[in-house]
C-alpha atoms as a PDB file:
ATOM      1  CA  UNK A   1      50.385  94.569  73.338  1.00  0.00           C
ATOM      2  CA  UNK A   2      48.100  91.259  73.444  1.00  0.00           C
ATOM      3  CA  UNK A   3      47.119  89.859  69.809  1.00  0.00           C
ATOM      4  CA  UNK A   4      45.011  87.523  71.468  1.00  0.00           C
ATOM      5  CA  UNK A   5      46.639  84.017  71.488  1.00  0.00           C
ATOM      6  CA  UNK A   6      47.133  82.052  74.800  1.00  0.00           C
ATOM      7  CA  UNK A   7      50.635  83.174  76.112  1.00  0.00           C
ATOM      8  CA  UNK A   8      51.121  85.657  72.862  1.00  0.00           C
ATOM      9  CA  UNK A   9      52.078  88.615  74.174  1.00  0.00           C
ATOM     10  CA  UNK A  10      53.818  91.192  71.536  1.00  0.00           C
ATOM     11  CA  UNK A  11      55.903  93.941  72.713  1.00  0.00           C
ATOM     12  CA  UNK A  12      56.974  96.749  70.008  1.00  0.00           C
ATOM     13  CA  UNK A  13      60.529  96.004  68.627  1.00  0.00           C
ATOM     14  CA  UNK A  14      61.521  99.944  69.915  1.00  0.00           C
ATOM     15  CA  UNK A  15      60.530  99.359  73.378  1.00  0.00           C
ATOM     16  CA  UNK A  16      62.691  95.913  73.797  1.00  0.00           C
ATOM     17  CA  UNK A  17      65.557  98.059  72.495  1.00  0.00           C
ATOM     18  CA  UNK A  18      65.031 100.268  75.664  1.00  0.00           C
ATOM     19  CA  UNK A  19      64.846  97.794  77.986  1.00  0.00           C
ATOM     20  CA  UNK A  20      67.615  95.886  76.544  1.00  0.00           C
ATOM     21  CA  UNK A  21      69.762  99.209  76.784  1.00  0.00           C
ATOM     22  CA  UNK A  22      68.371 100.436  80.183  1.00  0.00           C
ATOM     23  CA  UNK A  23      69.445  96.752  81.778  1.00  0.00           C
ATOM     24  CA  UNK A  24      73.002  97.100  79.965  1.00  0.00           C
ATOM     25  CA  UNK A  25      73.624 100.270  81.727  1.00  0.00           C
ATOM     26  CA  UNK A  26      72.407  99.252  85.155  1.00  0.00           C
ATOM     27  CA  UNK A  27      74.982  95.968  84.952  1.00  0.00           C
ATOM     28  CA  UNK A  28      77.831  97.595  83.396  1.00  0.00           C
ATOM     29  CA  UNK A  29      77.337 100.895  86.068  1.00  0.00           C
ATOM     30  CA  UNK A  30      77.022  98.426  89.559  1.00  0.00           C
ATOM     31  CA  UNK A  31      80.611  96.624  87.823  1.00  0.00           C
ATOM     32  CA  UNK A  32      82.411  99.221  87.050  1.00  0.00           C
ATOM     33  CA  UNK A  33      81.519 101.041  90.753  1.00  0.00           C
ATOM     34  CA  UNK A  34      82.522  97.404  92.318  1.00  0.00           C
ATOM     35  CA  UNK A  35      85.659  97.055  89.862  1.00  0.00           C
ATOM     36  CA  UNK A  36      87.361 100.562  90.623  1.00  0.00           C
ATOM     37  CA  UNK A  37      87.433 100.205  94.508  1.00  0.00           C
ATOM     38  CA  UNK A  38      90.951 100.854  96.503  1.00  0.00           C
ATOM     39  CA  UNK A  39      89.304 100.113  99.135  1.00  0.00           C
ATOM     40  CA  UNK A  40      91.693  96.892  99.787  1.00  0.00           C
ATOM     41  CA  UNK A  41      94.255  99.394  99.837  1.00  0.00           C
ATOM     42  CA  UNK A  42      95.978 101.428 102.934  1.00  0.00           C
ATOM     43  CA  UNK A  43      96.051 104.673 101.081  1.00  0.00           C
ATOM     44  CA  UNK A  44      97.331 106.789 104.078  1.00  0.00           C
ATOM     45  CA  UNK A  45     100.972 106.585 103.656  1.00  0.00           C
ATOM     46  CA  UNK A  46     102.875 104.587 100.852  1.00  0.00           C
ATOM     47  CA  UNK A  47     105.601 102.104 101.745  1.00  0.00           C
ATOM     48  CA  UNK A  48     108.850 101.431  99.793  1.00  0.00           C
ATOM     49  CA  UNK A  49     110.606  97.782  99.447  1.00  0.00           C
ATOM     50  CA  UNK A  50     113.344  96.954  97.546  1.00  0.00           C
ATOM     51  CA  UNK A  51     113.845  93.442  95.498  1.00  0.00           C
ATOM     52  CA  UNK A  52     113.905  91.881  92.170  1.00  0.00           C
ATOM     53  CA  UNK A  53     111.894  91.424  89.567  1.00  0.00           C
ATOM     54  CA  UNK A  54     110.171  88.044  89.109  1.00  0.00           C
ATOM     55  CA  UNK A  55     107.537  88.863  86.630  1.00  0.00           C
ATOM     56  CA  UNK A  56     105.633  91.999  84.375  1.00  0.00           C
ATOM     57  CA  UNK A  57     101.569  90.295  84.106  1.00  0.00           C
ATOM     58  CA  UNK A  58     100.812  92.142  80.812  1.00  0.00           C
ATOM     59  CA  UNK A  59      97.144  91.810  81.187  1.00  0.00           C
ATOM     60  CA  UNK A  60      93.727  94.082  81.208  1.00  0.00           C
ATOM     61  CA  UNK A  61      92.015  94.735  83.518  1.00  0.00           C
ATOM     62  CA  UNK A  62      95.057  95.475  85.528  1.00  0.00           C
ATOM     63  CA  UNK A  63      98.933  95.127  84.835  1.00  0.00           C
ATOM     64  CA  UNK A  64     100.567  93.784  87.790  1.00  0.00           C
ATOM     65  CA  UNK A  65     104.221  94.023  88.991  1.00  0.00           C
ATOM     66  CA  UNK A  66     106.207  91.004  90.756  1.00  0.00           C
ATOM     67  CA  UNK A  67     109.150  91.018  92.939  1.00  0.00           C
ATOM     68  CA  UNK A  68     111.116  88.978  95.421  1.00  0.00           C
ATOM     69  CA  UNK A  69     111.960  90.553  98.361  1.00  0.00           C
ATOM     70  CA  UNK A  70     114.324  89.812 101.332  1.00  0.00           C
ATOM     71  CA  UNK A  71     112.176  88.325 104.065  1.00  0.00           C
ATOM     72  CA  UNK A  72     112.634  90.055 107.328  1.00  0.00           C
ATOM     73  CA  UNK A  73     114.334  88.155 109.258  1.00  0.00           C
ATOM     74  CA  UNK A  74     115.682  85.130 107.065  1.00  0.00           C
ATOM     75  CA  UNK A  75     118.991  86.190 105.174  1.00  0.00           C
ATOM     76  CA  UNK A  76     118.497  83.557 102.663  1.00  0.00           C
ATOM     77  CA  UNK A  77     114.727  83.776 102.516  1.00  0.00           C
ATOM     78  CA  UNK A  78     112.571  85.549 100.010  1.00  0.00           C
ATOM     79  CA  UNK A  79     109.041  86.091  99.298  1.00  0.00           C
ATOM     80  CA  UNK A  80     107.288  87.310  96.514  1.00  0.00           C
ATOM     81  CA  UNK A  81     105.033  90.595  96.738  1.00  0.00           C
ATOM     82  CA  UNK A  82     102.464  91.761  93.548  1.00  0.00           C
ATOM     83  CA  UNK A  83     101.604  95.018  92.900  1.00  0.00           C
ATOM     84  CA  UNK A  84      98.131  96.423  91.103  1.00  0.00           C
ATOM     85  CA  UNK A  85      99.032  98.786  88.624  1.00  0.00           C
ATOM     86  CA  UNK A  86      96.391 100.686  85.964  1.00  0.00           C
ATOM     87  CA  UNK A  87      95.235  99.475  82.472  1.00  0.00           C
ATOM     88  CA  UNK A  88      97.532  98.846  79.592  1.00  0.00           C
ATOM     89  CA  UNK A  89      95.916 101.244  77.840  1.00  0.00           C
ATOM     90  CA  UNK A  90      97.075 104.138  80.700  1.00  0.00           C
ATOM     91  CA  UNK A  91     100.441 102.664  81.231  1.00  0.00           C
ATOM     92  CA  UNK A  92     101.237 103.018  77.931  1.00  0.00           C
ATOM     93  CA  UNK A  93     100.596 106.496  77.205  1.00  0.00           C
ATOM     94  CA  UNK A  94     102.884 106.868  80.377  1.00  0.00           C
ATOM     95  CA  UNK A  95     105.418 105.149  78.064  1.00  0.00           C
ATOM     96  CA  UNK A  96     105.118 101.668  79.717  1.00  0.00           C
ATOM     97  CA  UNK A  97     105.165  98.381  77.201  1.00  0.00           C
ATOM     98  CA  UNK A  98     105.404  94.685  78.184  1.00  0.00           C
ATOM     99  CA  UNK A  99     108.788  94.213  77.925  1.00  0.00           C
ATOM    100  CA  UNK A 100     109.486  97.562  80.294  1.00  0.00           C
ATOM    101  CA  UNK A 101     110.954  95.481  83.240  1.00  0.00           C
ATOM    102  CA  UNK A 102     113.172  92.442  82.946  1.00  0.00           C
ATOM    103  CA  UNK A 103     113.133  89.334  84.796  1.00  0.00           C
ATOM    104  CA  UNK A 104     115.539  89.435  87.728  1.00  0.00           C
ATOM    105  CA  UNK A 105     116.355  93.469  87.536  1.00  0.00           C
ATOM    106  CA  UNK A 106     116.912  94.934  90.703  1.00  0.00           C
ATOM    107  CA  UNK A 107     114.287  97.841  91.911  1.00  0.00           C
ATOM    108  CA  UNK A 108     112.573  99.820  94.673  1.00  0.00           C
ATOM    109  CA  UNK A 109     109.122  99.844  94.288  1.00  0.00           C
ATOM    110  CA  UNK A 110     106.904 102.369  96.421  1.00  0.00           C
ATOM    111  CA  UNK A 111     103.400 101.526  96.787  1.00  0.00           C
ATOM    112  CA  UNK A 112      99.987 101.691  99.244  1.00  0.00           C
ATOM    113  CA  UNK A 113     100.125  98.972 101.228  1.00  0.00           C
ATOM    114  CA  UNK A 114      97.149  95.608 101.791  1.00  0.00           C
ATOM    115  CA  UNK A 115      94.946  96.906 104.372  1.00  0.00           C
ATOM    116  CA  UNK A 116      94.988  92.654 105.101  1.00  0.00           C
ATOM    117  CA  UNK A 117      98.386  92.889 105.548  1.00  0.00           C
ATOM    118  CA  UNK A 118      99.658  90.275 102.745  1.00  0.00           C
ATOM    119  CA  UNK A 119     102.848  91.413 101.148  1.00  0.00           C
ATOM    120  CA  UNK A 120     102.037  93.717  98.075  1.00  0.00           C
ATOM    121  CA  UNK A 121     100.011  96.681  97.073  1.00  0.00           C
ATOM    122  CA  UNK A 122      98.748  99.073  94.128  1.00  0.00           C
ATOM    123  CA  UNK A 123     101.644 100.333  92.662  1.00  0.00           C
ATOM    124  CA  UNK A 124     102.830 104.018  92.696  1.00  0.00           C
ATOM    125  CA  UNK A 125     106.225 103.862  90.962  1.00  0.00           C
ATOM    126  CA  UNK A 126     109.400 102.124  90.567  1.00  0.00           C
ATOM    127  CA  UNK A 127     113.042 102.903  90.217  1.00  0.00           C
ATOM    128  CA  UNK A 128     115.615 101.073  88.592  1.00  0.00           C
ATOM    129  CA  UNK A 129     119.512 100.676  89.363  1.00  0.00           C
ATOM    130  CA  UNK A 130     119.940 103.325  86.803  1.00  0.00           C
ATOM    131  CA  UNK A 131     118.113 105.855  88.375  1.00  0.00           C
ATOM    132  CA  UNK A 132     115.181 105.528  85.462  1.00  0.00           C
ATOM    133  CA  UNK A 133     111.537 105.897  86.705  1.00  0.00           C
ATOM    134  CA  UNK A 134     108.364 104.103  85.555  1.00  0.00           C
ATOM    135  CA  UNK A 135     105.176 105.871  87.243  1.00  0.00           C
ATOM    136  CA  UNK A 136     101.954 103.522  87.757  1.00  0.00           C
ATOM    137  CA  UNK A 137      98.555 105.147  87.197  1.00  0.00           C
ATOM    138  CA  UNK A 138      98.782 108.600  88.135  1.00  0.00           C
ATOM    139  CA  UNK A 139      95.024 109.212  88.516  1.00  0.00           C
ATOM    140  CA  UNK A 140      94.243 106.385  90.858  1.00  0.00           C
ATOM    141  CA  UNK A 141      93.614 108.195  94.351  1.00  0.00           C
ATOM    142  CA  UNK A 142      96.728 108.708  96.411  1.00  0.00           C
ATOM    143  CA  UNK A 143      99.235 108.868  93.586  1.00  0.00           C
ATOM    144  CA  UNK A 144     100.170 112.221  93.066  1.00  0.00           C
ATOM    145  CA  UNK A 145     100.426 112.770  96.551  1.00  0.00           C
ATOM    146  CA  UNK A 146     102.465 109.923  96.486  1.00  0.00           C
ATOM    147  CA  UNK A 147     104.940 111.203  93.862  1.00  0.00           C
ATOM    148  CA  UNK A 148     105.323 114.637  95.032  1.00  0.00           C
ATOM    149  CA  UNK A 149     106.535 112.982  99.026  1.00  0.00           C
ATOM    150  CA  UNK A 150     110.037 113.398  97.175  1.00  0.00           C
ATOM    151  CA  UNK A 151     112.773 110.858  95.189  1.00  0.00           C
ATOM    152  CA  UNK A 152     113.135 107.174  95.929  1.00  0.00           C
ATOM    153  CA  UNK A 153     116.602 105.758  95.866  1.00  0.00           C
ATOM    154  CA  UNK A 154     117.851 103.518  93.450  1.00  0.00           C
ATOM    155  CA  UNK A 155     118.293 100.194  94.411  1.00  0.00           C
ATOM    156  CA  UNK A 156     121.679  99.006  96.182  1.00  0.00           C
ATOM    157  CA  UNK A 157     122.534 102.837  97.359  1.00  0.00           C
ATOM    158  CA  UNK A 158     120.702 101.884 100.678  1.00  0.00           C
ATOM    159  CA  UNK A 159     118.926  99.084 102.626  1.00  0.00           C
ATOM    160  CA  UNK A 160     115.231  99.873 101.644  1.00  0.00           C
ATOM    161  CA  UNK A 161     112.377  97.366 103.320  1.00  0.00           C
ATOM    162  CA  UNK A 162     110.245 100.214 104.882  1.00  0.00           C
ATOM    163  CA  UNK A 163     106.808  98.380 105.301  1.00  0.00           C
ATOM    164  CA  UNK A 164     105.015 100.385 107.591  1.00  0.00           C
ATOM    165  CA  UNK A 165     101.318  98.095 108.524  1.00  0.00           C
END
């Protein structure tokens, strides 16, 4: 609506609210769809690796589990592996806390590998030495099927480094 002065355009408040709301929805939709892609992970087959917990990174938007695993072909060498997990609110519903893992704890991790071959992937589940399990974001693509593919052995019960690339 024009009220007569140079450069003075008056827009009704209701119209401004609608325009700002529409812009916010478009921005959120594009961010959400870009953020929740699993394209970087190879979801065709999960892999398993044994190591020791380096850190549980209890942060949003995703919790990360970091482990040290033996470096293939290097008897004394270790590599750091990172596993993206679900958000805090989902993991809490499954019994996780910021103290669920202890630094130095031996574990076996099942995961979907990164497509680019780096050390890590999308977390599926973890088994401790006592045989107890922690399940990751069960609603993530491929996780339900991976969980149905059998039980994992506890750390130290087998030579585990089944990284298939």
